């Protein structure tokens, strides 16, 4: 399980709005049974939630998504099955959004 791996949302109820989950937890913390995750939401359904620095836009599988940093959560590892991709190339944007959420800078 790698940092910034993308998983299909295991929750059928929320999958339409939040199709993907991103594992943001460092690989060095692997012994606990949960992972820190952020949902990727369909941008079209969350236009009022878009805040450039806090919810960066991610293009994934030809779709515009928002990384909803304010909805950061933890999820049991067993719910995160096989990764379907990675957004590790957006590491700087993700870390900057997390930093903005925590420090306001």
C-alpha atoms as a PDB file:
ATOM      1  CA  UNK A   1       0.000   0.000   0.000  1.00  0.00           C
ATOM      2  CA  UNK A   2       1.702   3.136  -1.258  1.00  0.00           C
ATOM      3  CA  UNK A   3       1.172   6.756  -0.368  1.00  0.00           C
ATOM      4  CA  UNK A   4      -1.067   8.506  -2.920  1.00  0.00           C
ATOM      5  CA  UNK A   5      -2.508   5.258  -4.262  1.00  0.00           C
ATOM      6  CA  UNK A   6      -6.079   5.615  -5.506  1.00  0.00           C
ATOM      7  CA  UNK A   7      -8.801   3.106  -4.586  1.00  0.00           C
ATOM      8  CA  UNK A   8     -12.381   2.680  -5.675  1.00  0.00           C
ATOM      9  CA  UNK A   9     -14.676   3.954  -2.937  1.00  0.00           C
ATOM     10  CA  UNK A  10     -15.838   0.806  -1.102  1.00  0.00           C
ATOM     11  CA  UNK A  11     -19.027   2.520   0.102  1.00  0.00           C
ATOM     12  CA  UNK A  12     -21.789   1.944  -2.459  1.00  0.00           C
ATOM     13  CA  UNK A  13     -23.948   4.692  -0.937  1.00  0.00           C
ATOM     14  CA  UNK A  14     -21.389   7.459  -1.485  1.00  0.00           C
ATOM     15  CA  UNK A  15     -19.595   6.098  -4.565  1.00  0.00           C
ATOM     16  CA  UNK A  16     -21.551   8.202  -7.080  1.00  0.00           C
ATOM     17  CA  UNK A  17     -20.364  11.514  -5.586  1.00  0.00           C
ATOM     18  CA  UNK A  18     -17.041  10.196  -4.254  1.00  0.00           C
ATOM     19  CA  UNK A  19     -15.847   7.542  -6.722  1.00  0.00           C
ATOM     20  CA  UNK A  20     -12.300   7.297  -5.359  1.00  0.00           C
ATOM     21  CA  UNK A  21     -10.339   7.366  -2.121  1.00  0.00           C
ATOM     22  CA  UNK A  22      -6.679   8.438  -1.901  1.00  0.00           C
ATOM     23  CA  UNK A  23      -4.343   6.981   0.707  1.00  0.00           C
ATOM     24  CA  UNK A  24      -2.211   9.877   1.953  1.00  0.00           C
ATOM     25  CA  UNK A  25      -0.558   8.098   4.866  1.00  0.00           C
ATOM     26  CA  UNK A  26       3.211   7.784   4.848  1.00  0.00           C
ATOM     27  CA  UNK A  27       4.563   4.364   3.939  1.00  0.00           C
ATOM     28  CA  UNK A  28       6.645   4.413   7.126  1.00  0.00           C
ATOM     29  CA  UNK A  29       3.457   4.026   9.196  1.00  0.00           C
ATOM     30  CA  UNK A  30       2.294   0.608   8.092  1.00  0.00           C
ATOM     31  CA  UNK A  31       1.794  -1.308  11.336  1.00  0.00           C
ATOM     32  CA  UNK A  32      -1.566   0.260  12.245  1.00  0.00           C
ATOM     33  CA  UNK A  33      -4.858  -1.131  10.954  1.00  0.00           C
ATOM     34  CA  UNK A  34      -6.071   2.138   9.421  1.00  0.00           C
ATOM     35  CA  UNK A  35      -4.974   4.548   6.715  1.00  0.00           C
ATOM     36  CA  UNK A  36      -5.457   8.299   6.483  1.00  0.00           C
ATOM     37  CA  UNK A  37      -7.472   8.972   3.351  1.00  0.00           C
ATOM     38  CA  UNK A  38      -9.056  11.807   1.386  1.00  0.00           C
ATOM     39  CA  UNK A  39     -12.002  11.354  -0.975  1.00  0.00           C
ATOM     40  CA  UNK A  40     -11.852  12.372  -4.609  1.00  0.00           C
ATOM     41  CA  UNK A  41     -15.220  13.847  -5.575  1.00  0.00           C
ATOM     42  CA  UNK A  42     -16.769  14.548  -8.941  1.00  0.00           C
ATOM     43  CA  UNK A  43     -16.163  18.245  -9.498  1.00  0.00           C
ATOM     44  CA  UNK A  44     -19.527  18.705 -11.216  1.00  0.00           C
ATOM     45  CA  UNK A  45     -21.321  17.718  -8.001  1.00  0.00           C
ATOM     46  CA  UNK A  46     -19.258  19.941  -5.697  1.00  0.00           C
ATOM     47  CA  UNK A  47     -18.927  23.281  -7.468  1.00  0.00           C
ATOM     48  CA  UNK A  48     -19.579  25.204  -4.249  1.00  0.00           C
ATOM     49  CA  UNK A  49     -16.853  23.241  -2.457  1.00  0.00           C
ATOM     50  CA  UNK A  50     -14.058  24.238  -4.814  1.00  0.00           C
ATOM     51  CA  UNK A  51     -11.317  26.226  -3.138  1.00  0.00           C
ATOM     52  CA  UNK A  52      -8.192  26.205  -5.237  1.00  0.00           C
ATOM     53  CA  UNK A  53      -5.655  25.802  -2.421  1.00  0.00           C
ATOM     54  CA  UNK A  54      -7.756  23.599  -0.145  1.00  0.00           C
ATOM     55  CA  UNK A  55      -9.504  21.331  -2.661  1.00  0.00           C
ATOM     56  CA  UNK A  56      -7.179  21.022  -5.653  1.00  0.00           C
ATOM     57  CA  UNK A  57      -8.569  19.761  -8.935  1.00  0.00           C
ATOM     58  CA  UNK A  58      -7.273  16.360  -9.974  1.00  0.00           C
ATOM     59  CA  UNK A  59      -7.614  14.911 -13.453  1.00  0.00           C
ATOM     60  CA  UNK A  60      -7.975  11.164 -13.107  1.00  0.00           C
ATOM     61  CA  UNK A  61      -9.257   8.723 -15.729  1.00  0.00           C
ATOM     62  CA  UNK A  62     -10.354  11.621 -17.960  1.00  0.00           C
ATOM     63  CA  UNK A  63     -12.519  13.100 -15.220  1.00  0.00           C
ATOM     64  CA  UNK A  64     -12.195  16.337 -13.239  1.00  0.00           C
ATOM     65  CA  UNK A  65     -12.258  15.576  -9.507  1.00  0.00           C
ATOM     66  CA  UNK A  66     -11.740  17.559  -6.333  1.00  0.00           C
ATOM     67  CA  UNK A  67      -9.434  16.336  -3.602  1.00  0.00           C
ATOM     68  CA  UNK A  68     -11.653  17.158  -0.623  1.00  0.00           C
ATOM     69  CA  UNK A  69      -9.008  17.796   2.012  1.00  0.00           C
ATOM     70  CA  UNK A  70     -11.601  19.052   4.570  1.00  0.00           C
ATOM     71  CA  UNK A  71     -13.096  15.548   4.487  1.00  0.00           C
ATOM     72  CA  UNK A  72      -9.882  13.816   5.538  1.00  0.00           C
ATOM     73  CA  UNK A  73     -10.622  10.637   7.475  1.00  0.00           C
ATOM     74  CA  UNK A  74      -9.245   7.269   8.468  1.00  0.00           C
ATOM     75  CA  UNK A  75     -10.346   3.989   6.989  1.00  0.00           C
ATOM     76  CA  UNK A  76      -9.572   0.382   7.884  1.00  0.00           C
ATOM     77  CA  UNK A  77      -6.879  -1.103   5.660  1.00  0.00           C
ATOM     78  CA  UNK A  78      -9.125  -4.076   4.920  1.00  0.00           C
ATOM     79  CA  UNK A  79     -11.583  -1.741   3.138  1.00  0.00           C
ATOM     80  CA  UNK A  80      -8.898  -0.582   0.743  1.00  0.00           C
ATOM     81  CA  UNK A  81      -8.512  -3.406  -1.713  1.00  0.00           C
ATOM     82  CA  UNK A  82      -6.342  -3.345  -4.804  1.00  0.00           C
ATOM     83  CA  UNK A  83      -5.223   0.134  -5.844  1.00  0.00           C
ATOM     84  CA  UNK A  84      -6.479   1.236  -9.245  1.00  0.00           C
ATOM     85  CA  UNK A  85      -3.914   3.956  -9.790  1.00  0.00           C
ATOM     86  CA  UNK A  86      -1.790   6.635  -8.211  1.00  0.00           C
ATOM     87  CA  UNK A  87      -1.677  10.401  -8.060  1.00  0.00           C
ATOM     88  CA  UNK A  88       1.837  10.511  -6.620  1.00  0.00           C
ATOM     89  CA  UNK A  89       2.778  12.959  -9.390  1.00  0.00           C
ATOM     90  CA  UNK A  90       0.545  15.472  -7.528  1.00  0.00           C
ATOM     91  CA  UNK A  91       2.406  15.063  -4.242  1.00  0.00           C
ATOM     92  CA  UNK A  92       3.364  18.745  -3.981  1.00  0.00           C
ATOM     93  CA  UNK A  93      -0.225  19.932  -4.551  1.00  0.00           C
ATOM     94  CA  UNK A  94      -1.597  17.429  -2.021  1.00  0.00           C
ATOM     95  CA  UNK A  95       0.928  18.350   0.663  1.00  0.00           C
ATOM     96  CA  UNK A  96       0.346  22.058  -0.011  1.00  0.00           C
ATOM     97  CA  UNK A  97      -3.429  21.590   0.443  1.00  0.00           C
ATOM     98  CA  UNK A  98      -2.876  19.711   3.703  1.00  0.00           C
ATOM     99  CA  UNK A  99      -0.488  22.403   4.887  1.00  0.00           C
ATOM    100  CA  UNK A 100      -3.018  25.106   4.010  1.00  0.00           C
ATOM    101  CA  UNK A 101      -5.711  23.244   5.968  1.00  0.00           C
ATOM    102  CA  UNK A 102      -3.510  22.962   9.038  1.00  0.00           C
ATOM    103  CA  UNK A 103      -1.563  26.210   9.041  1.00  0.00           C
ATOM    104  CA  UNK A 104      -3.537  28.510   6.755  1.00  0.00           C
ATOM    105  CA  UNK A 105      -0.360  29.215   4.818  1.00  0.00           C
END
